[in-house]
């Protein structure tokens, strides 16, 4: 690695593109303190400094991948620009809470509670073999289901039926002649109404 010190960053990028893969590690190590410095100056909602460092390293990787020496800019400035852009994008996405549903969901099938039962098992399991309780639970579930369907639009009901039948977003979108994003939005509204 010390043999790389005598080359400029721009020369190292050229050698990397010619096949010297060890240079990638050298450049990543060389610029990691810059990434840490930039990451420590920012705050990520729902994340920590390590998450920001990881984002900054992605920005550095993109700089290595996309650097063009013919543009007459130094690699150092280009790398700093790419790192900043990646960090600001991560912070901006965090502030929009774009991924909040993904990061805060509760799995229907994950083991929870002291007994280690899944939420689905807890909701649908009869507390005992009492037939009367089983009928009451079924009636309550049907009532909940009916109330939910009353609150849904016709399109949301159709999307929910397709989703529960096992179709994915793309298949539902193709069936309805719309975009997968529209299906995702409909399912998000359904979840909100269910809550």
C-alpha atoms as a PDB file:
ATOM      1  CA  UNK A   1       0.000   0.000   0.000  1.00  0.00           C
ATOM      2  CA  UNK A   2       2.889   2.386   0.692  1.00  0.00           C
ATOM      3  CA  UNK A   3       3.911   2.039  -2.961  1.00  0.00           C
ATOM      4  CA  UNK A   4       0.750   3.950  -3.915  1.00  0.00           C
ATOM      5  CA  UNK A   5       1.788   7.078  -1.961  1.00  0.00           C
ATOM      6  CA  UNK A   6       4.013   8.300  -4.788  1.00  0.00           C
ATOM      7  CA  UNK A   7       1.061   8.535  -7.211  1.00  0.00           C
ATOM      8  CA  UNK A   8      -1.605  11.228  -7.403  1.00  0.00           C
ATOM      9  CA  UNK A   9      -5.201  10.206  -6.852  1.00  0.00           C
ATOM     10  CA  UNK A  10      -5.930  10.779 -10.512  1.00  0.00           C
ATOM     11  CA  UNK A  11      -3.100   8.418 -11.499  1.00  0.00           C
ATOM     12  CA  UNK A  12      -4.368   5.829  -9.025  1.00  0.00           C
ATOM     13  CA  UNK A  13      -7.861   5.972 -10.540  1.00  0.00           C
ATOM     14  CA  UNK A  14      -6.282   5.345 -13.954  1.00  0.00           C
ATOM     15  CA  UNK A  15      -4.374   2.329 -12.605  1.00  0.00           C
ATOM     16  CA  UNK A  16      -7.549   1.041 -10.929  1.00  0.00           C
ATOM     17  CA  UNK A  17      -9.364   1.121 -14.256  1.00  0.00           C
ATOM     18  CA  UNK A  18      -6.492  -0.833 -15.789  1.00  0.00           C
ATOM     19  CA  UNK A  19      -7.124  -3.656 -13.329  1.00  0.00           C
ATOM     20  CA  UNK A  20      -5.185  -3.003 -10.083  1.00  0.00           C
ATOM     21  CA  UNK A  21      -8.020  -3.787  -7.646  1.00  0.00           C
ATOM     22  CA  UNK A  22      -5.919  -3.155  -4.506  1.00  0.00           C
ATOM     23  CA  UNK A  23      -6.068   0.559  -5.258  1.00  0.00           C
ATOM     24  CA  UNK A  24      -9.779   0.624  -4.369  1.00  0.00           C
ATOM     25  CA  UNK A  25      -9.010  -0.321  -0.750  1.00  0.00           C
ATOM     26  CA  UNK A  26      -6.184   2.219  -0.615  1.00  0.00           C
ATOM     27  CA  UNK A  27      -8.406   5.091  -1.806  1.00  0.00           C
ATOM     28  CA  UNK A  28     -11.287   4.087   0.469  1.00  0.00           C
ATOM     29  CA  UNK A  29      -8.923   4.018   3.463  1.00  0.00           C
ATOM     30  CA  UNK A  30      -7.310   7.312   2.457  1.00  0.00           C
ATOM     31  CA  UNK A  31     -10.617   9.189   2.293  1.00  0.00           C
ATOM     32  CA  UNK A  32     -12.391   7.517   5.220  1.00  0.00           C
ATOM     33  CA  UNK A  33     -11.295  10.268   7.683  1.00  0.00           C
ATOM     34  CA  UNK A  34     -12.936  12.847   5.391  1.00  0.00           C
ATOM     35  CA  UNK A  35     -16.123  10.773   5.331  1.00  0.00           C
ATOM     36  CA  UNK A  36     -16.103  10.524   9.158  1.00  0.00           C
ATOM     37  CA  UNK A  37     -15.567  14.263   9.520  1.00  0.00           C
ATOM     38  CA  UNK A  38     -18.484  15.037   7.213  1.00  0.00           C
ATOM     39  CA  UNK A  39     -20.738  12.409   8.846  1.00  0.00           C
ATOM     40  CA  UNK A  40     -20.014  13.673  12.371  1.00  0.00           C
ATOM     41  CA  UNK A  41     -21.246  17.131  11.365  1.00  0.00           C
ATOM     42  CA  UNK A  42     -24.707  15.840  10.413  1.00  0.00           C
ATOM     43  CA  UNK A  43     -27.726  14.310  12.103  1.00  0.00           C
ATOM     44  CA  UNK A  44     -29.834  11.507  10.664  1.00  0.00           C
ATOM     45  CA  UNK A  45     -33.346  11.012  12.053  1.00  0.00           C
ATOM     46  CA  UNK A  46     -33.757   7.376  13.023  1.00  0.00           C
ATOM     47  CA  UNK A  47     -30.087   6.656  12.376  1.00  0.00           C
ATOM     48  CA  UNK A  48     -26.696   7.158  13.890  1.00  0.00           C
ATOM     49  CA  UNK A  49     -23.250   8.310  12.823  1.00  0.00           C
ATOM     50  CA  UNK A  50     -22.355   4.836  11.536  1.00  0.00           C
ATOM     51  CA  UNK A  51     -25.287   5.015   9.124  1.00  0.00           C
ATOM     52  CA  UNK A  52     -24.051   8.364   7.863  1.00  0.00           C
ATOM     53  CA  UNK A  53     -20.502   7.033   7.529  1.00  0.00           C
ATOM     54  CA  UNK A  54     -21.858   4.185   5.438  1.00  0.00           C
ATOM     55  CA  UNK A  55     -23.739   6.666   3.227  1.00  0.00           C
ATOM     56  CA  UNK A  56     -20.578   8.753   2.890  1.00  0.00           C
ATOM     57  CA  UNK A  57     -18.579   5.693   1.866  1.00  0.00           C
ATOM     58  CA  UNK A  58     -21.199   4.970  -0.797  1.00  0.00           C
ATOM     59  CA  UNK A  59     -20.670   8.527  -2.045  1.00  0.00           C
ATOM     60  CA  UNK A  60     -16.907   7.929  -2.098  1.00  0.00           C
ATOM     61  CA  UNK A  61     -17.383   4.701  -4.024  1.00  0.00           C
ATOM     62  CA  UNK A  62     -19.527   6.559  -6.568  1.00  0.00           C
ATOM     63  CA  UNK A  63     -16.785   9.195  -6.872  1.00  0.00           C
ATOM     64  CA  UNK A  64     -14.214   6.506  -7.646  1.00  0.00           C
ATOM     65  CA  UNK A  65     -16.557   4.906 -10.149  1.00  0.00           C
ATOM     66  CA  UNK A  66     -17.598   8.123 -11.908  1.00  0.00           C
ATOM     67  CA  UNK A  67     -14.410  10.235 -11.827  1.00  0.00           C
ATOM     68  CA  UNK A  68     -13.283  11.498 -15.241  1.00  0.00           C
ATOM     69  CA  UNK A  69      -9.770  12.959 -15.380  1.00  0.00           C
ATOM     70  CA  UNK A  70     -10.496  14.797 -18.629  1.00  0.00           C
ATOM     71  CA  UNK A  71     -12.844  17.178 -16.808  1.00  0.00           C
ATOM     72  CA  UNK A  72      -9.816  18.873 -15.232  1.00  0.00           C
ATOM     73  CA  UNK A  73     -11.077  18.622 -11.665  1.00  0.00           C
ATOM     74  CA  UNK A  74      -9.074  17.012  -8.915  1.00  0.00           C
ATOM     75  CA  UNK A  75     -10.284  13.721  -7.555  1.00  0.00           C
ATOM     76  CA  UNK A  76     -10.220  15.128  -4.010  1.00  0.00           C
ATOM     77  CA  UNK A  77     -12.726  17.868  -4.830  1.00  0.00           C
ATOM     78  CA  UNK A  78     -14.897  15.488  -6.831  1.00  0.00           C
ATOM     79  CA  UNK A  79     -14.856  12.934  -3.988  1.00  0.00           C
ATOM     80  CA  UNK A  80     -15.840  15.585  -1.449  1.00  0.00           C
ATOM     81  CA  UNK A  81     -18.704  16.691  -3.684  1.00  0.00           C
ATOM     82  CA  UNK A  82     -19.974  13.103  -4.093  1.00  0.00           C
ATOM     83  CA  UNK A  83     -19.674  12.399  -0.351  1.00  0.00           C
ATOM     84  CA  UNK A  84     -21.576  15.595   0.528  1.00  0.00           C
ATOM     85  CA  UNK A  85     -24.268  14.843  -2.039  1.00  0.00           C
ATOM     86  CA  UNK A  86     -24.783  11.303  -0.697  1.00  0.00           C
ATOM     87  CA  UNK A  87     -24.914  12.504   2.920  1.00  0.00           C
ATOM     88  CA  UNK A  88     -27.338  15.330   2.179  1.00  0.00           C
ATOM     89  CA  UNK A  89     -29.565  12.954   0.200  1.00  0.00           C
ATOM     90  CA  UNK A  90     -29.665  10.537   3.149  1.00  0.00           C
ATOM     91  CA  UNK A  91     -30.501  13.307   5.619  1.00  0.00           C
ATOM     92  CA  UNK A  92     -33.138  14.747   3.293  1.00  0.00           C
ATOM     93  CA  UNK A  93     -34.782  11.330   2.812  1.00  0.00           C
ATOM     94  CA  UNK A  94     -34.724  10.836   6.571  1.00  0.00           C
ATOM     95  CA  UNK A  95     -36.411  14.197   7.132  1.00  0.00           C
ATOM     96  CA  UNK A  96     -39.141  13.338   4.610  1.00  0.00           C
ATOM     97  CA  UNK A  97     -39.723  10.128   6.568  1.00  0.00           C
ATOM     98  CA  UNK A  98     -40.040   8.415   3.199  1.00  0.00           C
ATOM     99  CA  UNK A  99     -39.016   5.036   4.581  1.00  0.00           C
ATOM    100  CA  UNK A 100     -40.794   5.330   7.937  1.00  0.00           C
ATOM    101  CA  UNK A 101     -43.411   2.661   7.105  1.00  0.00           C
ATOM    102  CA  UNK A 102     -40.640   0.215   6.240  1.00  0.00           C
ATOM    103  CA  UNK A 103     -38.578   1.039   9.306  1.00  0.00           C
ATOM    104  CA  UNK A 104     -41.417   0.996  11.842  1.00  0.00           C
ATOM    105  CA  UNK A 105     -43.618  -1.849  10.671  1.00  0.00           C
ATOM    106  CA  UNK A 106     -44.579  -4.739  12.932  1.00  0.00           C
ATOM    107  CA  UNK A 107     -44.497  -8.118  11.296  1.00  0.00           C
ATOM    108  CA  UNK A 108     -47.737 -10.030  11.445  1.00  0.00           C
ATOM    109  CA  UNK A 109     -45.791 -13.270  11.792  1.00  0.00           C
ATOM    110  CA  UNK A 110     -42.786 -12.278  13.955  1.00  0.00           C
ATOM    111  CA  UNK A 111     -42.635 -13.741  17.446  1.00  0.00           C
ATOM    112  CA  UNK A 112     -43.628 -11.141  20.057  1.00  0.00           C
ATOM    113  CA  UNK A 113     -44.539 -10.949  23.688  1.00  0.00           C
ATOM    114  CA  UNK A 114     -43.406 -13.056  26.604  1.00  0.00           C
ATOM    115  CA  UNK A 115     -45.022 -16.202  25.245  1.00  0.00           C
ATOM    116  CA  UNK A 116     -43.194 -15.831  21.926  1.00  0.00           C
ATOM    117  CA  UNK A 117     -46.391 -16.072  19.888  1.00  0.00           C
ATOM    118  CA  UNK A 118     -46.765 -14.342  16.562  1.00  0.00           C
ATOM    119  CA  UNK A 119     -49.335 -11.552  16.320  1.00  0.00           C
ATOM    120  CA  UNK A 120     -51.296 -13.608  13.780  1.00  0.00           C
ATOM    121  CA  UNK A 121     -51.422 -16.552  16.207  1.00  0.00           C
ATOM    122  CA  UNK A 122     -52.506 -14.279  19.044  1.00  0.00           C
ATOM    123  CA  UNK A 123     -55.310 -12.706  17.032  1.00  0.00           C
ATOM    124  CA  UNK A 124     -56.709 -15.879  15.555  1.00  0.00           C
ATOM    125  CA  UNK A 125     -56.041 -18.478  18.236  1.00  0.00           C
ATOM    126  CA  UNK A 126     -58.926 -19.433  20.470  1.00  0.00           C
ATOM    127  CA  UNK A 127     -58.047 -18.975  24.139  1.00  0.00           C
ATOM    128  CA  UNK A 128     -59.381 -22.450  24.812  1.00  0.00           C
ATOM    129  CA  UNK A 129     -61.454 -25.081  23.069  1.00  0.00           C
ATOM    130  CA  UNK A 130     -64.656 -23.319  24.115  1.00  0.00           C
ATOM    131  CA  UNK A 131     -66.981 -23.339  21.048  1.00  0.00           C
ATOM    132  CA  UNK A 132     -68.833 -20.281  22.320  1.00  0.00           C
ATOM    133  CA  UNK A 133     -65.580 -18.243  22.467  1.00  0.00           C
ATOM    134  CA  UNK A 134     -64.621 -19.467  19.010  1.00  0.00           C
ATOM    135  CA  UNK A 135     -67.951 -18.233  17.562  1.00  0.00           C
ATOM    136  CA  UNK A 136     -67.581 -14.869  19.354  1.00  0.00           C
ATOM    137  CA  UNK A 137     -64.024 -14.459  18.009  1.00  0.00           C
ATOM    138  CA  UNK A 138     -65.185 -15.272  14.486  1.00  0.00           C
ATOM    139  CA  UNK A 139     -68.037 -12.745  14.764  1.00  0.00           C
ATOM    140  CA  UNK A 140     -65.647 -10.073  16.064  1.00  0.00           C
ATOM    141  CA  UNK A 141     -63.247 -10.742  13.207  1.00  0.00           C
ATOM    142  CA  UNK A 142     -66.084 -10.536  10.661  1.00  0.00           C
ATOM    143  CA  UNK A 143     -67.301  -7.279  12.241  1.00  0.00           C
ATOM    144  CA  UNK A 144     -63.794  -5.819  12.066  1.00  0.00           C
ATOM    145  CA  UNK A 145     -63.453  -6.942   8.444  1.00  0.00           C
ATOM    146  CA  UNK A 146     -66.858  -5.464   7.488  1.00  0.00           C
ATOM    147  CA  UNK A 147     -66.051  -2.125   9.147  1.00  0.00           C
ATOM    148  CA  UNK A 148     -62.757  -1.934   7.325  1.00  0.00           C
ATOM    149  CA  UNK A 149     -64.348  -2.679   3.943  1.00  0.00           C
ATOM    150  CA  UNK A 150     -67.006   0.015   4.552  1.00  0.00           C
ATOM    151  CA  UNK A 151     -64.263   2.624   4.976  1.00  0.00           C
ATOM    152  CA  UNK A 152     -62.453   1.587   1.786  1.00  0.00           C
ATOM    153  CA  UNK A 153     -63.158   2.970  -1.656  1.00  0.00           C
ATOM    154  CA  UNK A 154     -64.123   0.532  -4.418  1.00  0.00           C
ATOM    155  CA  UNK A 155     -60.589   0.694  -5.829  1.00  0.00           C
ATOM    156  CA  UNK A 156     -59.032   0.063  -2.399  1.00  0.00           C
ATOM    157  CA  UNK A 157     -61.309  -2.952  -1.849  1.00  0.00           C
ATOM    158  CA  UNK A 158     -60.282  -4.423  -5.212  1.00  0.00           C
ATOM    159  CA  UNK A 159     -56.582  -3.808  -4.514  1.00  0.00           C
ATOM    160  CA  UNK A 160     -56.903  -5.380  -1.063  1.00  0.00           C
ATOM    161  CA  UNK A 161     -58.684  -8.426  -2.476  1.00  0.00           C
ATOM    162  CA  UNK A 162     -55.982  -8.868  -5.121  1.00  0.00           C
ATOM    163  CA  UNK A 163     -53.220  -8.387  -2.548  1.00  0.00           C
ATOM    164  CA  UNK A 164     -54.754 -10.904  -0.148  1.00  0.00           C
ATOM    165  CA  UNK A 165     -55.139 -13.388  -2.998  1.00  0.00           C
ATOM    166  CA  UNK A 166     -51.344 -13.356  -3.326  1.00  0.00           C
ATOM    167  CA  UNK A 167     -50.689 -10.936  -6.173  1.00  0.00           C
ATOM    168  CA  UNK A 168     -47.703  -8.592  -5.843  1.00  0.00           C
ATOM    169  CA  UNK A 169     -47.729  -4.833  -6.563  1.00  0.00           C
ATOM    170  CA  UNK A 170     -46.636  -5.243 -10.183  1.00  0.00           C
ATOM    171  CA  UNK A 171     -49.237  -7.928 -10.919  1.00  0.00           C
ATOM    172  CA  UNK A 172     -52.022  -5.839  -9.367  1.00  0.00           C
ATOM    173  CA  UNK A 173     -50.858  -2.778 -11.331  1.00  0.00           C
ATOM    174  CA  UNK A 174     -50.877  -4.731 -14.600  1.00  0.00           C
ATOM    175  CA  UNK A 175     -54.316  -6.134 -13.845  1.00  0.00           C
ATOM    176  CA  UNK A 176     -55.707  -2.671 -13.082  1.00  0.00           C
ATOM    177  CA  UNK A 177     -53.765  -0.858 -15.813  1.00  0.00           C
ATOM    178  CA  UNK A 178     -51.987   1.493 -13.410  1.00  0.00           C
ATOM    179  CA  UNK A 179     -48.521   1.951 -11.895  1.00  0.00           C
ATOM    180  CA  UNK A 180     -47.069  -0.066  -8.988  1.00  0.00           C
ATOM    181  CA  UNK A 181     -46.704   3.265  -7.104  1.00  0.00           C
ATOM    182  CA  UNK A 182     -50.479   3.789  -7.303  1.00  0.00           C
ATOM    183  CA  UNK A 183     -50.970   0.305  -5.837  1.00  0.00           C
ATOM    184  CA  UNK A 184     -48.453   1.054  -3.079  1.00  0.00           C
ATOM    185  CA  UNK A 185     -50.311   4.292  -2.266  1.00  0.00           C
ATOM    186  CA  UNK A 186     -53.636   2.432  -2.124  1.00  0.00           C
ATOM    187  CA  UNK A 187     -52.186  -0.179   0.244  1.00  0.00           C
ATOM    188  CA  UNK A 188     -50.727   2.568   2.468  1.00  0.00           C
ATOM    189  CA  UNK A 189     -54.176   4.196   2.678  1.00  0.00           C
ATOM    190  CA  UNK A 190     -55.713   0.811   3.539  1.00  0.00           C
ATOM    191  CA  UNK A 191     -53.185   0.317   6.356  1.00  0.00           C
ATOM    192  CA  UNK A 192     -53.912   3.802   7.694  1.00  0.00           C
ATOM    193  CA  UNK A 193     -57.670   3.129   7.672  1.00  0.00           C
ATOM    194  CA  UNK A 194     -57.134  -0.209   9.382  1.00  0.00           C
ATOM    195  CA  UNK A 195     -55.297   1.496  12.241  1.00  0.00           C
END
